[in-house]
Amino acid sequence: MSTTELTKDNFDDVVADDGFVLIDFWASWCGPCRQFAPVYESAAERHSDLTFAKVDTEAEQELAAAFEIQSIPTLMIIRDRVVVFAQPGALPESALEDLIGQARGLDMEEVRQAAAEAGEESAPSEASGPSSR
């Protein structure tokens, strides 16, 4: 499966419908982004049950700002509309595979409970695009 272009217009639908979304925030002028792209595409082919999306930070500045993207590439993982991982930097293939495995293994009920106990239930950990803010 190839990657999905994520925009402010389709963000809510993609995240709500798919439940487990990996997002690569990138730009065409970014060298590390170009180096990470084949690793990301390869993982998308191996994990066809997950949604792999890309956000062009130049074209989608509002979406990048909504997630406070400071550095690219930034990889984000959203499960059940909760951001469970967000980190800048290009990952090697083995690290990306390990990360996907860890995200698959999360008990989302525990994640939501921990967020509620920390008082973050409606904080930025909830993934909502700019149109729903």
N, C-alpha and C. Protein backbone atom coordinates (compact mmCIF):
# COMPACT_ATOMS: atom_id res chain seq x y z
N MET A 1 0.84 -1.18 0.00
CA MET A 1 0.00 0.00 0.00
C MET A 1 0.88 1.24 0.00
N SER A 2 0.51 2.21 -0.75
CA SER A 2 1.30 3.44 -0.79
C SER A 2 0.82 4.39 0.30
N THR A 3 1.47 5.53 0.38
CA THR A 3 1.12 6.49 1.41
C THR A 3 -0.03 7.39 0.95
N THR A 4 -0.71 7.97 1.92
CA THR A 4 -1.82 8.88 1.68
C THR A 4 -1.34 10.30 1.91
N GLU A 5 -1.71 11.20 1.01
CA GLU A 5 -1.39 12.62 1.22
C GLU A 5 -2.40 13.16 2.21
N LEU A 6 -1.90 13.66 3.34
CA LEU A 6 -2.77 14.16 4.40
C LEU A 6 -2.83 15.68 4.31
N THR A 7 -4.04 16.20 4.31
CA THR A 7 -4.26 17.64 4.24
C THR A 7 -5.22 18.05 5.37
N LYS A 8 -5.36 19.34 5.56
CA LYS A 8 -6.31 19.79 6.59
C LYS A 8 -7.74 19.38 6.21
N ASP A 9 -8.00 19.22 4.92
CA ASP A 9 -9.35 18.87 4.47
C ASP A 9 -9.69 17.40 4.70
N ASN A 10 -8.72 16.50 4.62
CA ASN A 10 -9.02 15.07 4.80
C ASN A 10 -8.52 14.51 6.13
N PHE A 11 -7.87 15.33 6.94
CA PHE A 11 -7.25 14.85 8.18
C PHE A 11 -8.25 14.12 9.07
N ASP A 12 -9.34 14.77 9.42
CA ASP A 12 -10.29 14.17 10.35
C ASP A 12 -10.83 12.84 9.83
N ASP A 13 -11.14 12.78 8.55
CA ASP A 13 -11.67 11.54 7.97
C ASP A 13 -10.64 10.42 8.02
N VAL A 14 -9.42 10.70 7.65
CA VAL A 14 -8.37 9.68 7.64
C VAL A 14 -8.10 9.17 9.05
N VAL A 15 -7.94 10.06 9.99
CA VAL A 15 -7.61 9.66 11.36
C VAL A 15 -8.78 8.94 12.02
N ALA A 16 -9.99 9.42 11.80
CA ALA A 16 -11.17 8.79 12.42
C ALA A 16 -11.45 7.43 11.81
N ASP A 17 -11.34 7.32 10.49
CA ASP A 17 -11.69 6.08 9.81
C ASP A 17 -10.67 4.98 10.03
N ASP A 18 -9.40 5.33 10.07
CA ASP A 18 -8.36 4.32 10.04
C ASP A 18 -7.85 3.89 11.42
N GLY A 19 -7.95 4.73 12.42
CA GLY A 19 -7.62 4.32 13.77
C GLY A 19 -6.14 4.19 14.11
N PHE A 20 -5.30 3.80 13.16
CA PHE A 20 -3.86 3.62 13.41
C PHE A 20 -3.15 4.26 12.22
N VAL A 21 -2.64 5.46 12.45
CA VAL A 21 -2.06 6.24 11.35
C VAL A 21 -0.65 6.69 11.71
N LEU A 22 0.28 6.43 10.81
CA LEU A 22 1.63 6.96 10.92
C LEU A 22 1.70 8.16 10.00
N ILE A 23 2.25 9.25 10.49
CA ILE A 23 2.33 10.48 9.70
C ILE A 23 3.77 10.95 9.61
N ASP A 24 4.21 11.18 8.39
CA ASP A 24 5.54 11.73 8.12
C ASP A 24 5.36 13.19 7.72
N PHE A 25 5.79 14.11 8.58
CA PHE A 25 5.79 15.53 8.25
C PHE A 25 7.10 15.82 7.54
N TRP A 26 7.04 16.34 6.32
CA TRP A 26 8.23 16.47 5.47
C TRP A 26 8.13 17.71 4.58
N ALA A 27 9.20 17.99 3.84
CA ALA A 27 9.21 19.03 2.81
C ALA A 27 10.19 18.60 1.72
N SER A 28 9.92 19.01 0.51
CA SER A 28 10.72 18.57 -0.63
C SER A 28 12.17 19.06 -0.56
N TRP A 29 12.43 20.19 0.09
CA TRP A 29 13.78 20.75 0.17
C TRP A 29 14.62 20.12 1.28
N CYS A 30 14.01 19.25 2.09
CA CYS A 30 14.66 18.69 3.28
C CYS A 30 15.43 17.41 2.94
N GLY A 31 16.75 17.47 3.06
CA GLY A 31 17.60 16.31 2.75
C GLY A 31 17.28 15.08 3.59
N PRO A 32 17.21 15.21 4.93
CA PRO A 32 16.86 14.05 5.75
C PRO A 32 15.46 13.49 5.41
N CYS A 33 14.55 14.36 5.01
CA CYS A 33 13.22 13.90 4.60
C CYS A 33 13.32 13.00 3.37
N ARG A 34 14.14 13.42 2.42
CA ARG A 34 14.31 12.62 1.20
C ARG A 34 15.00 11.30 1.51
N GLN A 35 15.91 11.29 2.48
CA GLN A 35 16.57 10.04 2.87
C GLN A 35 15.61 9.10 3.59
N PHE A 36 14.69 9.64 4.38
CA PHE A 36 13.74 8.83 5.14
C PHE A 36 12.61 8.30 4.25
N ALA A 37 12.30 8.99 3.18
CA ALA A 37 11.15 8.63 2.33
C ALA A 37 11.15 7.16 1.88
N PRO A 38 12.26 6.61 1.36
CA PRO A 38 12.23 5.21 0.93
C PRO A 38 12.02 4.23 2.10
N VAL A 39 12.54 4.55 3.27
CA VAL A 39 12.35 3.72 4.46
C VAL A 39 10.87 3.71 4.83
N TYR A 40 10.25 4.88 4.80
CA TYR A 40 8.84 5.03 5.13
C TYR A 40 7.96 4.31 4.12
N GLU A 41 8.27 4.48 2.84
CA GLU A 41 7.49 3.81 1.77
C GLU A 41 7.60 2.30 1.89
N SER A 42 8.79 1.81 2.20
CA SER A 42 9.01 0.37 2.35
C SER A 42 8.18 -0.18 3.51
N ALA A 43 8.15 0.55 4.62
CA ALA A 43 7.35 0.12 5.77
C ALA A 43 5.86 0.13 5.41
N ALA A 44 5.44 1.09 4.61
CA ALA A 44 4.04 1.15 4.18
C ALA A 44 3.67 -0.09 3.37
N GLU A 45 4.60 -0.56 2.56
CA GLU A 45 4.36 -1.78 1.77
C GLU A 45 4.25 -3.01 2.68
N ARG A 46 5.10 -3.07 3.70
CA ARG A 46 5.11 -4.23 4.60
C ARG A 46 3.92 -4.25 5.55
N HIS A 47 3.41 -3.09 5.90
CA HIS A 47 2.32 -2.99 6.88
C HIS A 47 1.07 -2.43 6.20
N SER A 48 0.53 -3.18 5.27
CA SER A 48 -0.60 -2.69 4.48
C SER A 48 -1.88 -2.55 5.31
N ASP A 49 -1.89 -3.08 6.53
CA ASP A 49 -3.07 -2.94 7.39
C ASP A 49 -3.08 -1.59 8.12
N LEU A 50 -2.00 -0.84 8.06
CA LEU A 50 -1.91 0.46 8.70
C LEU A 50 -1.98 1.56 7.66
N THR A 51 -2.34 2.76 8.09
CA THR A 51 -2.35 3.90 7.20
C THR A 51 -1.06 4.69 7.37
N PHE A 52 -0.35 4.86 6.29
CA PHE A 52 0.86 5.67 6.26
C PHE A 52 0.52 6.95 5.50
N ALA A 53 0.65 8.08 6.17
CA ALA A 53 0.30 9.35 5.57
C ALA A 53 1.50 10.28 5.57
N LYS A 54 1.46 11.25 4.66
CA LYS A 54 2.54 12.23 4.56
C LYS A 54 1.90 13.62 4.55
N VAL A 55 2.52 14.53 5.29
CA VAL A 55 2.09 15.92 5.32
C VAL A 55 3.23 16.77 4.78
N ASP A 56 3.00 17.39 3.63
CA ASP A 56 3.96 18.33 3.07
C ASP A 56 3.82 19.62 3.87
N THR A 57 4.80 19.90 4.73
CA THR A 57 4.69 21.03 5.63
C THR A 57 4.68 22.38 4.92
N GLU A 58 5.17 22.41 3.69
CA GLU A 58 5.13 23.65 2.91
C GLU A 58 3.70 23.91 2.41
N ALA A 59 3.04 22.87 1.93
CA ALA A 59 1.69 23.01 1.40
C ALA A 59 0.64 23.04 2.51
N GLU A 60 0.93 22.39 3.61
CA GLU A 60 -0.04 22.26 4.72
C GLU A 60 0.50 22.91 5.99
N GLN A 61 0.81 24.19 5.88
CA GLN A 61 1.40 24.91 7.01
C GLN A 61 0.45 24.96 8.21
N GLU A 62 -0.84 25.05 7.96
CA GLU A 62 -1.82 25.11 9.05
C GLU A 62 -1.83 23.79 9.83
N LEU A 63 -1.76 22.69 9.11
CA LEU A 63 -1.76 21.37 9.76
C LEU A 63 -0.46 21.17 10.55
N ALA A 64 0.66 21.55 9.95
CA ALA A 64 1.95 21.45 10.65
C ALA A 64 1.95 22.33 11.91
N ALA A 65 1.37 23.50 11.82
CA ALA A 65 1.30 24.39 12.98
C ALA A 65 0.39 23.82 14.06
N ALA A 66 -0.70 23.19 13.66
CA ALA A 66 -1.63 22.62 14.64
C ALA A 66 -0.95 21.55 15.49
N PHE A 67 0.03 20.86 14.92
CA PHE A 67 0.77 19.84 15.66
C PHE A 67 2.13 20.34 16.15
N GLU A 68 2.33 21.66 16.02
CA GLU A 68 3.54 22.30 16.52
C GLU A 68 4.82 21.63 16.00
N ILE A 69 4.83 21.35 14.70
CA ILE A 69 6.00 20.74 14.08
C ILE A 69 7.11 21.79 14.01
N GLN A 70 8.22 21.51 14.67
CA GLN A 70 9.34 22.44 14.75
C GLN A 70 10.50 22.01 13.84
N SER A 71 10.58 20.71 13.56
CA SER A 71 11.70 20.16 12.83
C SER A 71 11.18 19.03 11.94
N ILE A 72 11.77 18.91 10.76
CA ILE A 72 11.37 17.82 9.87
C ILE A 72 12.59 17.03 9.44
N PRO A 73 12.41 15.76 9.15
CA PRO A 73 11.14 15.04 9.23
C PRO A 73 10.72 14.82 10.68
N THR A 74 9.42 14.80 10.90
CA THR A 74 8.86 14.40 12.19
C THR A 74 7.92 13.24 11.92
N LEU A 75 8.07 12.19 12.68
CA LEU A 75 7.18 11.04 12.58
C LEU A 75 6.22 11.09 13.76
N MET A 76 4.94 10.89 13.46
CA MET A 76 3.91 10.88 14.48
C MET A 76 3.07 9.62 14.28
N ILE A 77 2.65 9.02 15.39
CA ILE A 77 1.75 7.88 15.31
C ILE A 77 0.50 8.23 16.11
N ILE A 78 -0.64 8.05 15.47
CA ILE A 78 -1.93 8.31 16.11
C ILE A 78 -2.71 7.01 16.14
N ARG A 79 -3.14 6.62 17.34
CA ARG A 79 -4.01 5.45 17.49
C ARG A 79 -5.28 5.89 18.17
N ASP A 80 -6.40 5.55 17.58
CA ASP A 80 -7.71 5.88 18.16
C ASP A 80 -7.78 7.36 18.52
N ARG A 81 -7.30 8.21 17.62
CA ARG A 81 -7.31 9.67 17.74
C ARG A 81 -6.45 10.21 18.87
N VAL A 82 -5.51 9.40 19.38
CA VAL A 82 -4.58 9.83 20.42
C VAL A 82 -3.16 9.76 19.86
N VAL A 83 -2.42 10.85 20.00
CA VAL A 83 -1.02 10.85 19.58
C VAL A 83 -0.24 10.00 20.58
N VAL A 84 0.31 8.89 20.11
CA VAL A 84 1.06 8.00 21.00
C VAL A 84 2.56 8.11 20.78
N PHE A 85 2.97 8.80 19.71
CA PHE A 85 4.39 9.00 19.45
C PHE A 85 4.54 10.21 18.54
N ALA A 86 5.53 11.03 18.83
CA ALA A 86 5.88 12.14 17.95
C ALA A 86 7.34 12.49 18.22
N GLN A 87 8.15 12.41 17.17
CA GLN A 87 9.57 12.69 17.35
C GLN A 87 10.18 13.13 16.03
N PRO A 88 10.98 14.19 16.05
CA PRO A 88 11.67 14.58 14.82
C PRO A 88 12.87 13.68 14.55
N GLY A 89 13.25 13.63 13.31
CA GLY A 89 14.43 12.87 12.91
C GLY A 89 14.10 11.68 12.03
N ALA A 90 14.98 11.40 11.10
CA ALA A 90 14.82 10.25 10.21
C ALA A 90 15.24 8.98 10.96
N LEU A 91 14.42 7.97 10.87
CA LEU A 91 14.73 6.70 11.54
C LEU A 91 15.27 5.69 10.55
N PRO A 92 16.21 4.85 10.99
CA PRO A 92 16.61 3.73 10.15
C PRO A 92 15.48 2.70 10.14
N GLU A 93 15.51 1.82 9.15
CA GLU A 93 14.44 0.85 8.97
C GLU A 93 14.18 0.01 10.23
N SER A 94 15.24 -0.46 10.88
CA SER A 94 15.06 -1.31 12.06
C SER A 94 14.38 -0.56 13.19
N ALA A 95 14.71 0.71 13.38
CA ALA A 95 14.09 1.51 14.44
C ALA A 95 12.62 1.77 14.12
N LEU A 96 12.30 2.01 12.85
CA LEU A 96 10.91 2.23 12.46
C LEU A 96 10.09 0.96 12.69
N GLU A 97 10.65 -0.18 12.33
CA GLU A 97 9.94 -1.46 12.55
C GLU A 97 9.71 -1.70 14.04
N ASP A 98 10.71 -1.42 14.87
CA ASP A 98 10.58 -1.58 16.30
C ASP A 98 9.49 -0.65 16.85
N LEU A 99 9.47 0.57 16.39
CA LEU A 99 8.48 1.55 16.82
C LEU A 99 7.06 1.11 16.44
N ILE A 100 6.91 0.61 15.23
CA ILE A 100 5.59 0.13 14.79
C ILE A 100 5.14 -1.02 15.69
N GLY A 101 6.05 -1.93 16.00
CA GLY A 101 5.73 -3.04 16.90
C GLY A 101 5.30 -2.56 18.28
N GLN A 102 6.01 -1.57 18.80
CA GLN A 102 5.66 -1.03 20.12
C GLN A 102 4.28 -0.36 20.08
N ALA A 103 4.01 0.39 19.02
CA ALA A 103 2.71 1.07 18.90
C ALA A 103 1.58 0.06 18.75
N ARG A 104 1.83 -1.02 18.02
CA ARG A 104 0.81 -2.07 17.89
C ARG A 104 0.50 -2.71 19.24
N GLY A 105 1.51 -2.81 20.09
CA GLY A 105 1.36 -3.49 21.37
C GLY A 105 0.74 -2.65 22.47
N LEU A 106 0.50 -1.38 22.21
CA LEU A 106 -0.08 -0.52 23.24
C LEU A 106 -1.49 -0.94 23.61
N ASP A 107 -1.79 -0.90 24.88
CA ASP A 107 -3.15 -1.10 25.37
C ASP A 107 -3.78 0.30 25.40
N MET A 108 -4.62 0.60 24.42
CA MET A 108 -5.15 1.95 24.28
C MET A 108 -6.04 2.34 25.45
N GLU A 109 -6.67 1.39 26.09
CA GLU A 109 -7.46 1.70 27.28
C GLU A 109 -6.55 2.24 28.38
N GLU A 110 -5.39 1.62 28.55
CA GLU A 110 -4.42 2.10 29.54
C GLU A 110 -3.89 3.48 29.16
N VAL A 111 -3.65 3.70 27.87
CA VAL A 111 -3.16 5.00 27.41
C VAL A 111 -4.17 6.09 27.72
N ARG A 112 -5.44 5.84 27.40
CA ARG A 112 -6.49 6.83 27.68
C ARG A 112 -6.65 7.06 29.18
N GLN A 113 -6.58 6.00 29.96
CA GLN A 113 -6.72 6.11 31.41
C GLN A 113 -5.57 6.94 31.99
N ALA A 114 -4.35 6.67 31.55
CA ALA A 114 -3.20 7.43 32.02
C ALA A 114 -3.33 8.91 31.65
N ALA A 115 -3.82 9.18 30.44
CA ALA A 115 -4.01 10.56 30.01
C ALA A 115 -5.07 11.25 30.86
N ALA A 116 -6.15 10.53 31.17
CA ALA A 116 -7.22 11.11 31.99
C ALA A 116 -6.71 11.40 33.39
N GLU A 117 -5.93 10.49 33.95
CA GLU A 117 -5.39 10.68 35.29
C GLU A 117 -4.42 11.85 35.34
N ALA A 118 -3.74 12.09 34.24
CA ALA A 118 -2.79 13.20 34.17
C ALA A 118 -3.48 14.51 33.83
N GLY A 119 -4.79 14.44 33.60
CA GLY A 119 -5.53 15.65 33.27
C GLY A 119 -5.32 16.13 31.86
N GLU A 120 -4.93 15.21 30.98
CA GLU A 120 -4.62 15.59 29.60
C GLU A 120 -5.66 15.08 28.62
N GLU A 121 -6.82 14.67 29.06
CA GLU A 121 -7.80 14.06 28.17
C GLU A 121 -8.16 14.96 27.00
N SER A 122 -8.22 16.27 27.20
CA SER A 122 -8.56 17.16 26.10
C SER A 122 -7.38 18.02 25.67
N ALA A 123 -6.18 17.63 26.09
CA ALA A 123 -4.97 18.36 25.74
C ALA A 123 -4.50 17.97 24.35
N PRO A 124 -3.36 18.48 23.89
CA PRO A 124 -2.88 18.19 22.54
C PRO A 124 -2.67 16.72 22.23
N SER A 125 -2.73 15.83 23.23
CA SER A 125 -2.57 14.41 22.92
C SER A 125 -3.75 13.89 22.11
N GLU A 126 -4.88 14.57 22.18
CA GLU A 126 -6.02 14.20 21.35
C GLU A 126 -5.76 14.75 19.96
N ALA A 127 -5.80 13.87 18.99
CA ALA A 127 -5.51 14.28 17.62
C ALA A 127 -6.76 14.87 16.99
N SER A 128 -6.71 16.13 16.70
CA SER A 128 -7.80 16.73 15.96
C SER A 128 -7.18 17.75 15.02
N GLY A 129 -7.62 17.72 13.84
CA GLY A 129 -7.09 18.62 12.83
C GLY A 129 -7.53 20.05 13.08
N PRO A 130 -7.01 20.97 12.31
CA PRO A 130 -7.28 22.37 12.52
C PRO A 130 -8.76 22.71 12.33
N SER A 131 -9.49 21.93 11.53
CA SER A 131 -10.89 22.24 11.28
C SER A 131 -11.76 21.91 12.49
N SER A 132 -11.28 21.09 13.40
CA SER A 132 -12.10 20.73 14.56
C SER A 132 -11.67 21.46 15.81
N ARG A 133 -10.77 22.36 15.72
CA ARG A 133 -10.34 23.12 16.91
C ARG A 133 -11.17 24.36 17.06
